[in-house]
Amino acid sequence: MDFKEYTTTEPRAGARPEHREGPVARSIEQQTAKLPSDLWLWAAFASIGTSLLFQITGDEKKATFVGHWAPTFLALGIYNKLVKLHGSEGV
């Protein structure tokens, strides 16, 4: 399945002009959509593992800081998946 089937620079039928994506957001979404969806999940697991290592070594501030990245990676993965499935105008 080709990604171009799902994305377009043309607005979707019924899309309201005030709800269209700008050129910067569209460009970012087109570039990040090239990344595999697994990347975001592995990034979240890596941040959890790194946080655990910092916790074991006693560096609690770093453990907390890195541990907070996991939900961000997962949220980015969900957004990325939605853009891949529906295009930037469908989100």
PDB file of N, CA and C in Angstrom:
ATOM      1  N   MET A   1       0.842  -1.168   0.000  1.00  0.00           N
ATOM      2  CA  MET A   1       0.000   0.000   0.000  1.00  0.00           C
ATOM      3  C   MET A   1       0.896   1.242   0.000  1.00  0.00           C
ATOM      4  N   ASP A   2       0.627   2.126  -0.893  1.00  0.00           N
ATOM      5  CA  ASP A   2       1.450   3.315  -1.039  1.00  0.00           C
ATOM      6  C   ASP A   2       0.891   4.442  -0.182  1.00  0.00           C
ATOM      7  N   PHE A   3       1.786   5.154   0.499  1.00  0.00           N
ATOM      8  CA  PHE A   3       1.370   6.244   1.375  1.00  0.00           C
ATOM      9  C   PHE A   3       0.658   7.338   0.591  1.00  0.00           C
ATOM     10  N   LYS A   4       1.015   7.549  -0.675  1.00  0.00           N
ATOM     11  CA  LYS A   4       0.426   8.617  -1.472  1.00  0.00           C
ATOM     12  C   LYS A   4      -1.074   8.420  -1.679  1.00  0.00           C
ATOM     13  N   GLU A   5      -1.550   7.180  -1.503  1.00  0.00           N
ATOM     14  CA  GLU A   5      -2.979   6.926  -1.633  1.00  0.00           C
ATOM     15  C   GLU A   5      -3.773   7.668  -0.548  1.00  0.00           C
ATOM     16  N   TYR A   6      -3.149   7.929   0.583  1.00  0.00           N
ATOM     17  CA  TYR A   6      -3.847   8.500   1.723  1.00  0.00           C
ATOM     18  C   TYR A   6      -3.601   9.973   1.940  1.00  0.00           C
ATOM     19  N   THR A   7      -2.597  10.509   1.305  1.00  0.00           N
ATOM     20  CA  THR A   7      -2.306  11.917   1.526  1.00  0.00           C
ATOM     21  C   THR A   7      -2.514  12.702   0.255  1.00  0.00           C
ATOM     22  N   THR A   8      -2.846  13.931   0.436  1.00  0.00           N
ATOM     23  CA  THR A   8      -3.050  14.805  -0.703  1.00  0.00           C
ATOM     24  C   THR A   8      -2.868  16.234  -0.247  1.00  0.00           C
ATOM     25  N   THR A   9      -2.504  17.067  -1.165  1.00  0.00           N
ATOM     26  CA  THR A   9      -2.445  18.487  -0.848  1.00  0.00           C
ATOM     27  C   THR A   9      -3.790  19.136  -1.125  1.00  0.00           C
ATOM     28  N   GLU A  10      -4.676  18.390  -1.779  1.00  0.00           N
ATOM     29  CA  GLU A  10      -6.022  18.884  -2.048  1.00  0.00           C
ATOM     30  C   GLU A  10      -6.887  18.681  -0.809  1.00  0.00           C
ATOM     31  N   PRO A  11      -7.765  19.608  -0.511  1.00  0.00           N
ATOM     32  CA  PRO A  11      -8.640  19.421   0.651  1.00  0.00           C
ATOM     33  C   PRO A  11      -9.635  18.296   0.415  1.00  0.00           C
ATOM     34  N   ARG A  12     -10.017  17.640   1.482  1.00  0.00           N
ATOM     35  CA  ARG A  12     -11.024  16.590   1.400  1.00  0.00           C
ATOM     36  C   ARG A  12     -12.383  17.196   1.069  1.00  0.00           C
ATOM     37  N   ALA A  13     -13.223  16.378   0.469  1.00  0.00           N
ATOM     38  CA  ALA A  13     -14.577  16.836   0.165  1.00  0.00           C
ATOM     39  C   ALA A  13     -15.278  17.209   1.463  1.00  0.00           C
ATOM     40  N   GLY A  14     -15.858  18.374   1.517  1.00  0.00           N
ATOM     41  CA  GLY A  14     -16.568  18.820   2.704  1.00  0.00           C
ATOM     42  C   GLY A  14     -15.680  19.465   3.747  1.00  0.00           C
ATOM     43  N   ALA A  15     -14.368  19.511   3.513  1.00  0.00           N
ATOM     44  CA  ALA A  15     -13.464  20.140   4.484  1.00  0.00           C
ATOM     45  C   ALA A  15     -13.690  21.644   4.489  1.00  0.00           C
ATOM     46  N   ARG A  16     -13.797  22.186   5.657  1.00  0.00           N
ATOM     47  CA  ARG A  16     -14.008  23.624   5.777  1.00  0.00           C
ATOM     48  C   ARG A  16     -12.687  24.346   5.616  1.00  0.00           C
ATOM     49  N   PRO A  17     -12.652  25.445   4.862  1.00  0.00           N
ATOM     50  CA  PRO A  17     -11.383  26.147   4.607  1.00  0.00           C
ATOM     51  C   PRO A  17     -10.661  26.570   5.880  1.00  0.00           C
ATOM     52  N   GLU A  18     -11.386  26.945   6.920  1.00  0.00           N
ATOM     53  CA  GLU A  18     -10.730  27.383   8.150  1.00  0.00           C
ATOM     54  C   GLU A  18     -10.116  26.232   8.934  1.00  0.00           C
ATOM     55  N   HIS A  19     -10.387  24.976   8.537  1.00  0.00           N
ATOM     56  CA  HIS A  19      -9.859  23.808   9.237  1.00  0.00           C
ATOM     57  C   HIS A  19      -8.746  23.122   8.454  1.00  0.00           C
ATOM     58  N   ARG A  20      -8.265  23.727   7.403  1.00  0.00           N
ATOM     59  CA  ARG A  20      -7.211  23.111   6.596  1.00  0.00           C
ATOM     60  C   ARG A  20      -5.854  23.304   7.261  1.00  0.00           C
ATOM     61  N   GLU A  21      -4.968  22.326   7.023  1.00  0.00           N
ATOM     62  CA  GLU A  21      -3.606  22.399   7.555  1.00  0.00           C
ATOM     63  C   GLU A  21      -2.786  23.408   6.764  1.00  0.00           C
ATOM     64  N   GLY A  22      -1.861  24.038   7.447  1.00  0.00           N
ATOM     65  CA  GLY A  22      -0.952  24.960   6.794  1.00  0.00           C
ATOM     66  C   GLY A  22       0.181  24.205   6.118  1.00  0.00           C
ATOM     67  N   PRO A  23       0.978  24.886   5.322  1.00  0.00           N
ATOM     68  CA  PRO A  23       2.050  24.216   4.581  1.00  0.00           C
ATOM     69  C   PRO A  23       3.136  23.629   5.487  1.00  0.00           C
ATOM     70  N   VAL A  24       3.409  24.261   6.628  1.00  0.00           N
ATOM     71  CA  VAL A  24       4.446  23.744   7.527  1.00  0.00           C
ATOM     72  C   VAL A  24       3.984  22.433   8.159  1.00  0.00           C
ATOM     73  N   ALA A  25       2.762  22.398   8.686  1.00  0.00           N
ATOM     74  CA  ALA A  25       2.238  21.174   9.305  1.00  0.00           C
ATOM     75  C   ALA A  25       2.146  20.054   8.271  1.00  0.00           C
ATOM     76  N   ARG A  26       1.687  20.364   7.091  1.00  0.00           N
ATOM     77  CA  ARG A  26       1.562  19.357   6.034  1.00  0.00           C
ATOM     78  C   ARG A  26       2.938  18.795   5.675  1.00  0.00           C
ATOM     79  N   SER A  27       3.939  19.651   5.576  1.00  0.00           N
ATOM     80  CA  SER A  27       5.290  19.210   5.239  1.00  0.00           C
ATOM     81  C   SER A  27       5.869  18.316   6.332  1.00  0.00           C
ATOM     82  N   ILE A  28       5.692  18.711   7.595  1.00  0.00           N
ATOM     83  CA  ILE A  28       6.183  17.895   8.717  1.00  0.00           C
ATOM     84  C   ILE A  28       5.495  16.537   8.720  1.00  0.00           C
ATOM     85  N   GLU A  29       4.187  16.519   8.514  1.00  0.00           N
ATOM     86  CA  GLU A  29       3.440  15.259   8.519  1.00  0.00           C
ATOM     87  C   GLU A  29       3.875  14.353   7.375  1.00  0.00           C
ATOM     88  N   GLN A  30       4.158  14.918   6.219  1.00  0.00           N
ATOM     89  CA  GLN A  30       4.608  14.102   5.089  1.00  0.00           C
ATOM     90  C   GLN A  30       5.967  13.477   5.372  1.00  0.00           C
ATOM     91  N   GLN A  31       6.849  14.199   6.054  1.00  0.00           N
ATOM     92  CA  GLN A  31       8.173  13.664   6.359  1.00  0.00           C
ATOM     93  C   GLN A  31       8.113  12.627   7.480  1.00  0.00           C
ATOM     94  N   THR A  32       7.369  12.908   8.542  1.00  0.00           N
ATOM     95  CA  THR A  32       7.311  11.960   9.662  1.00  0.00           C
ATOM     96  C   THR A  32       6.506  10.716   9.306  1.00  0.00           C
ATOM     97  N   ALA A  33       5.611  10.820   8.347  1.00  0.00           N
ATOM     98  CA  ALA A  33       4.837   9.650   7.931  1.00  0.00           C
ATOM     99  C   ALA A  33       5.724   8.613   7.253  1.00  0.00           C
ATOM    100  N   LYS A  34       6.900   8.999   6.827  1.00  0.00           N
ATOM    101  CA  LYS A  34       7.839   8.057   6.224  1.00  0.00           C
ATOM    102  C   LYS A  34       8.470   7.140   7.272  1.00  0.00           C
ATOM    103  N   LEU A  35       8.398   7.537   8.536  1.00  0.00           N
ATOM    104  CA  LEU A  35       8.957   6.726   9.617  1.00  0.00           C
ATOM    105  C   LEU A  35       8.026   5.556   9.912  1.00  0.00           C
ATOM    106  N   PRO A  36       8.573   4.385  10.211  1.00  0.00           N
ATOM    107  CA  PRO A  36       7.702   3.256  10.565  1.00  0.00           C
ATOM    108  C   PRO A  36       7.002   3.508  11.900  1.00  0.00           C
ATOM    109  N   SER A  37       5.790   3.026  12.019  1.00  0.00           N
ATOM    110  CA  SER A  37       5.003   3.223  13.240  1.00  0.00           C
ATOM    111  C   SER A  37       5.660   2.568  14.450  1.00  0.00           C
ATOM    112  N   ASP A  38       6.400   1.489  14.225  1.00  0.00           N
ATOM    113  CA  ASP A  38       7.081   0.796  15.323  1.00  0.00           C
ATOM    114  C   ASP A  38       8.102   1.690  16.014  1.00  0.00           C
ATOM    115  N   LEU A  39       8.639   2.655  15.297  1.00  0.00           N
ATOM    116  CA  LEU A  39       9.678   3.517  15.856  1.00  0.00           C
ATOM    117  C   LEU A  39       9.199   4.196  17.138  1.00  0.00           C
ATOM    118  N   TRP A  40       7.972   4.683  17.143  1.00  0.00           N
ATOM    119  CA  TRP A  40       7.445   5.399  18.315  1.00  0.00           C
ATOM    120  C   TRP A  40       7.280   4.449  19.492  1.00  0.00           C
ATOM    121  N   LEU A  41       6.847   3.227  19.224  1.00  0.00           N
ATOM    122  CA  LEU A  41       6.691   2.240  20.301  1.00  0.00           C
ATOM    123  C   LEU A  41       8.046   1.858  20.884  1.00  0.00           C
ATOM    124  N   TRP A  42       9.036   1.630  20.030  1.00  0.00           N
ATOM    125  CA  TRP A  42      10.374   1.278  20.510  1.00  0.00           C
ATOM    126  C   TRP A  42      11.015   2.438  21.255  1.00  0.00           C
ATOM    127  N   ALA A  43      10.749   3.664  20.802  1.00  0.00           N
ATOM    128  CA  ALA A  43      11.281   4.835  21.512  1.00  0.00           C
ATOM    129  C   ALA A  43      10.696   4.907  22.928  1.00  0.00           C
ATOM    130  N   ALA A  44       9.399   4.593  23.053  1.00  0.00           N
ATOM    131  CA  ALA A  44       8.772   4.597  24.379  1.00  0.00           C
ATOM    132  C   ALA A  44       9.387   3.520  25.272  1.00  0.00           C
ATOM    133  N   PHE A  45       9.579   2.309  24.720  1.00  0.00           N
ATOM    134  CA  PHE A  45      10.207   1.238  25.497  1.00  0.00           C
ATOM    135  C   PHE A  45      11.632   1.603  25.889  1.00  0.00           C
ATOM    136  N   ALA A  46      12.354   2.236  24.985  1.00  0.00           N
ATOM    137  CA  ALA A  46      13.740   2.642  25.277  1.00  0.00           C
ATOM    138  C   ALA A  46      13.775   3.671  26.398  1.00  0.00           C
ATOM    139  N   SER A  47      12.835   4.605  26.394  1.00  0.00           N
ATOM    140  CA  SER A  47      12.819   5.610  27.465  1.00  0.00           C
ATOM    141  C   SER A  47      12.466   4.971  28.809  1.00  0.00           C
ATOM    142  N   ILE A  48      11.587   3.997  28.790  1.00  0.00           N
ATOM    143  CA  ILE A  48      11.241   3.296  30.029  1.00  0.00           C
ATOM    144  C   ILE A  48      12.456   2.524  30.545  1.00  0.00           C
ATOM    145  N   GLY A  49      13.146   1.819  29.644  1.00  0.00           N
ATOM    146  CA  GLY A  49      14.340   1.063  30.035  1.00  0.00           C
ATOM    147  C   GLY A  49      15.451   1.958  30.543  1.00  0.00           C
ATOM    148  N   THR A  50      15.662   3.075  29.857  1.00  0.00           N
ATOM    149  CA  THR A  50      16.694   4.020  30.294  1.00  0.00           C
ATOM    150  C   THR A  50      16.335   4.612  31.643  1.00  0.00           C
ATOM    151  N   SER A  51      15.068   4.910  31.837  1.00  0.00           N
ATOM    152  CA  SER A  51      14.606   5.429  33.122  1.00  0.00           C
ATOM    153  C   SER A  51      14.856   4.410  34.238  1.00  0.00           C
ATOM    154  N   LEU A  52      14.583   3.152  33.939  1.00  0.00           N
ATOM    155  CA  LEU A  52      14.815   2.090  34.918  1.00  0.00           C
ATOM    156  C   LEU A  52      16.305   1.994  35.281  1.00  0.00           C
ATOM    157  N   LEU A  53      17.164   2.109  34.276  1.00  0.00           N
ATOM    158  CA  LEU A  53      18.608   2.064  34.552  1.00  0.00           C
ATOM    159  C   LEU A  53      19.044   3.231  35.434  1.00  0.00           C
ATOM    160  N   PHE A  54      18.527   4.428  35.135  1.00  0.00           N
ATOM    161  CA  PHE A  54      18.858   5.574  35.977  1.00  0.00           C
ATOM    162  C   PHE A  54      18.346   5.371  37.403  1.00  0.00           C
ATOM    163  N   GLN A  55      17.176   4.784  37.533  1.00  0.00           N
ATOM    164  CA  GLN A  55      16.608   4.531  38.863  1.00  0.00           C
ATOM    165  C   GLN A  55      17.481   3.548  39.637  1.00  0.00           C
ATOM    166  N   ILE A  56      17.935   2.500  38.967  1.00  0.00           N
ATOM    167  CA  ILE A  56      18.777   1.489  39.613  1.00  0.00           C
ATOM    168  C   ILE A  56      20.105   2.087  40.061  1.00  0.00           C
ATOM    169  N   THR A  57      20.658   2.984  39.239  1.00  0.00           N
ATOM    170  CA  THR A  57      21.942   3.591  39.581  1.00  0.00           C
ATOM    171  C   THR A  57      21.799   4.727  40.583  1.00  0.00           C
ATOM    172  N   GLY A  58      20.564   5.067  40.960  1.00  0.00           N
ATOM    173  CA  GLY A  58      20.343   6.066  41.998  1.00  0.00           C
ATOM    174  C   GLY A  58      20.169   7.498  41.509  1.00  0.00           C
ATOM    175  N   ASP A  59      20.114   7.703  40.221  1.00  0.00           N
ATOM    176  CA  ASP A  59      19.938   9.057  39.688  1.00  0.00           C
ATOM    177  C   ASP A  59      18.449   9.282  39.406  1.00  0.00           C
ATOM    178  N   GLU A  60      17.710   9.604  40.468  1.00  0.00           N
ATOM    179  CA  GLU A  60      16.254   9.691  40.370  1.00  0.00           C
ATOM    180  C   GLU A  60      15.767  10.846  39.504  1.00  0.00           C
ATOM    181  N   LYS A  61      16.495  11.964  39.491  1.00  0.00           N
ATOM    182  CA  LYS A  61      16.074  13.096  38.659  1.00  0.00           C
ATOM    183  C   LYS A  61      16.122  12.735  37.180  1.00  0.00           C
ATOM    184  N   LYS A  62      17.206  12.093  36.757  1.00  0.00           N
ATOM    185  CA  LYS A  62      17.298  11.671  35.354  1.00  0.00           C
ATOM    186  C   LYS A  62      16.271  10.593  35.046  1.00  0.00           C
ATOM    187  N   ALA A  63      16.038   9.690  35.997  1.00  0.00           N
ATOM    188  CA  ALA A  63      15.056   8.625  35.799  1.00  0.00           C
ATOM    189  C   ALA A  63      13.669   9.208  35.559  1.00  0.00           C
ATOM    190  N   THR A  64      13.303  10.191  36.344  1.00  0.00           N
ATOM    191  CA  THR A  64      11.996  10.829  36.185  1.00  0.00           C
ATOM    192  C   THR A  64      11.917  11.590  34.869  1.00  0.00           C
ATOM    193  N   PHE A  65      12.979  12.326  34.546  1.00  0.00           N
ATOM    194  CA  PHE A  65      13.005  13.106  33.316  1.00  0.00           C
ATOM    195  C   PHE A  65      12.843  12.218  32.086  1.00  0.00           C
ATOM    196  N   VAL A  66      13.640  11.161  31.991  1.00  0.00           N
ATOM    197  CA  VAL A  66      13.588  10.271  30.830  1.00  0.00           C
ATOM    198  C   VAL A  66      12.299   9.442  30.841  1.00  0.00           C
ATOM    199  N   GLY A  67      11.825   9.084  32.010  1.00  0.00           N
ATOM    200  CA  GLY A  67      10.589   8.310  32.103  1.00  0.00           C
ATOM    201  C   GLY A  67       9.373   9.051  31.591  1.00  0.00           C
ATOM    202  N   HIS A  68       9.404  10.365  31.672  1.00  0.00           N
ATOM    203  CA  HIS A  68       8.283  11.153  31.164  1.00  0.00           C
ATOM    204  C   HIS A  68       8.234  11.224  29.640  1.00  0.00           C
ATOM    205  N   TRP A  69       9.249  10.758  28.961  1.00  0.00           N
ATOM    206  CA  TRP A  69       9.250  10.769  27.499  1.00  0.00           C
ATOM    207  C   TRP A  69       8.320   9.710  26.914  1.00  0.00           C
ATOM    208  N   ALA A  70       8.124   8.600  27.616  1.00  0.00           N
ATOM    209  CA  ALA A  70       7.348   7.482  27.069  1.00  0.00           C
ATOM    210  C   ALA A  70       5.944   7.887  26.613  1.00  0.00           C
ATOM    211  N   PRO A  71       5.148   8.581  27.435  1.00  0.00           N
ATOM    212  CA  PRO A  71       3.808   8.953  26.961  1.00  0.00           C
ATOM    213  C   PRO A  71       3.859   9.910  25.770  1.00  0.00           C
ATOM    214  N   THR A  72       4.893  10.743  25.719  1.00  0.00           N
ATOM    215  CA  THR A  72       5.030  11.653  24.584  1.00  0.00           C
ATOM    216  C   THR A  72       5.279  10.870  23.304  1.00  0.00           C
ATOM    217  N   PHE A  73       6.179   9.891  23.353  1.00  0.00           N
ATOM    218  CA  PHE A  73       6.440   9.068  22.175  1.00  0.00           C
ATOM    219  C   PHE A  73       5.186   8.315  21.738  1.00  0.00           C
ATOM    220  N   LEU A  74       4.436   7.795  22.697  1.00  0.00           N
ATOM    221  CA  LEU A  74       3.215   7.060  22.358  1.00  0.00           C
ATOM    222  C   LEU A  74       2.168   7.990  21.741  1.00  0.00           C
ATOM    223  N   ALA A  75       2.040   9.196  22.271  1.00  0.00           N
ATOM    224  CA  ALA A  75       1.096  10.158  21.701  1.00  0.00           C
ATOM    225  C   ALA A  75       1.504  10.554  20.278  1.00  0.00           C
ATOM    226  N   LEU A  76       2.791  10.758  20.065  1.00  0.00           N
ATOM    227  CA  LEU A  76       3.269  11.062  18.715  1.00  0.00           C
ATOM    228  C   LEU A  76       3.002   9.897  17.759  1.00  0.00           C
ATOM    229  N   GLY A  77       3.151   8.687  18.261  1.00  0.00           N
ATOM    230  CA  GLY A  77       2.869   7.509  17.441  1.00  0.00           C
ATOM    231  C   GLY A  77       1.404   7.422  17.051  1.00  0.00           C
ATOM    232  N   ILE A  78       0.522   7.736  17.981  1.00  0.00           N
ATOM    233  CA  ILE A  78      -0.917   7.724  17.678  1.00  0.00           C
ATOM    234  C   ILE A  78      -1.249   8.791  16.649  1.00  0.00           C
ATOM    235  N   TYR A  79      -0.723   9.977  16.846  1.00  0.00           N
ATOM    236  CA  TYR A  79      -0.970  11.061  15.894  1.00  0.00           C
ATOM    237  C   TYR A  79      -0.429  10.692  14.515  1.00  0.00           C
ATOM    238  N   ASN A  80       0.782  10.142  14.487  1.00  0.00           N
ATOM    239  CA  ASN A  80       1.390   9.746  13.226  1.00  0.00           C
ATOM    240  C   ASN A  80       0.540   8.694  12.514  1.00  0.00           C
ATOM    241  N   LYS A  81       0.018   7.743  13.261  1.00  0.00           N
ATOM    242  CA  LYS A  81      -0.826   6.692  12.681  1.00  0.00           C
ATOM    243  C   LYS A  81      -2.117   7.279  12.123  1.00  0.00           C
ATOM    244  N   LEU A  82      -2.713   8.213  12.841  1.00  0.00           N
ATOM    245  CA  LEU A  82      -3.936   8.856  12.357  1.00  0.00           C
ATOM    246  C   LEU A  82      -3.688   9.624  11.059  1.00  0.00           C
ATOM    247  N   VAL A  83      -2.556  10.300  10.985  1.00  0.00           N
ATOM    248  CA  VAL A  83      -2.236  11.035   9.765  1.00  0.00           C
ATOM    249  C   VAL A  83      -2.003  10.059   8.612  1.00  0.00           C
ATOM    250  N   LYS A  84      -1.355   8.932   8.882  1.00  0.00           N
ATOM    251  CA  LYS A  84      -1.140   7.946   7.830  1.00  0.00           C
ATOM    252  C   LYS A  84      -2.449   7.372   7.324  1.00  0.00           C
ATOM    253  N   LEU A  85      -3.392   7.136   8.224  1.00  0.00           N
ATOM    254  CA  LEU A  85      -4.656   6.519   7.845  1.00  0.00           C
ATOM    255  C   LEU A  85      -5.642   7.495   7.220  1.00  0.00           C
ATOM    256  N   HIS A  86      -5.674   8.719   7.720  1.00  0.00           N
ATOM    257  CA  HIS A  86      -6.713   9.652   7.299  1.00  0.00           C
ATOM    258  C   HIS A  86      -6.196  10.874   6.557  1.00  0.00           C
ATOM    259  N   GLY A  87      -4.902  11.061   6.502  1.00  0.00           N
ATOM    260  CA  GLY A  87      -4.353  12.267   5.889  1.00  0.00           C
ATOM    261  C   GLY A  87      -4.462  13.431   6.859  1.00  0.00           C
ATOM    262  N   SER A  88      -3.732  14.494   6.585  1.00  0.00           N
ATOM    263  CA  SER A  88      -3.700  15.621   7.520  1.00  0.00           C
ATOM    264  C   SER A  88      -5.021  16.375   7.561  1.00  0.00           C
ATOM    265  N   GLU A  89      -5.822  16.299   6.523  1.00  0.00           N
ATOM    266  CA  GLU A  89      -7.108  17.008   6.516  1.00  0.00           C
ATOM    267  C   GLU A  89      -8.186  16.219   7.234  1.00  0.00           C
ATOM    268  N   GLY A  90      -7.956  14.920   7.473  1.00  0.00           N
ATOM    269  CA  GLY A  90      -8.983  14.097   8.106  1.00  0.00           C
ATOM    270  C   GLY A  90      -8.885  14.047   9.601  1.00  0.00           C
ATOM    271  N   VAL A  91      -7.812  14.568  10.166  1.00  0.00           N
ATOM    272  CA  VAL A  91      -7.613  14.504  11.620  1.00  0.00           C
ATOM    273  C   VAL A  91      -8.305  15.666  12.272  1.00  0.00           C
TER     274      VAL A  91
END
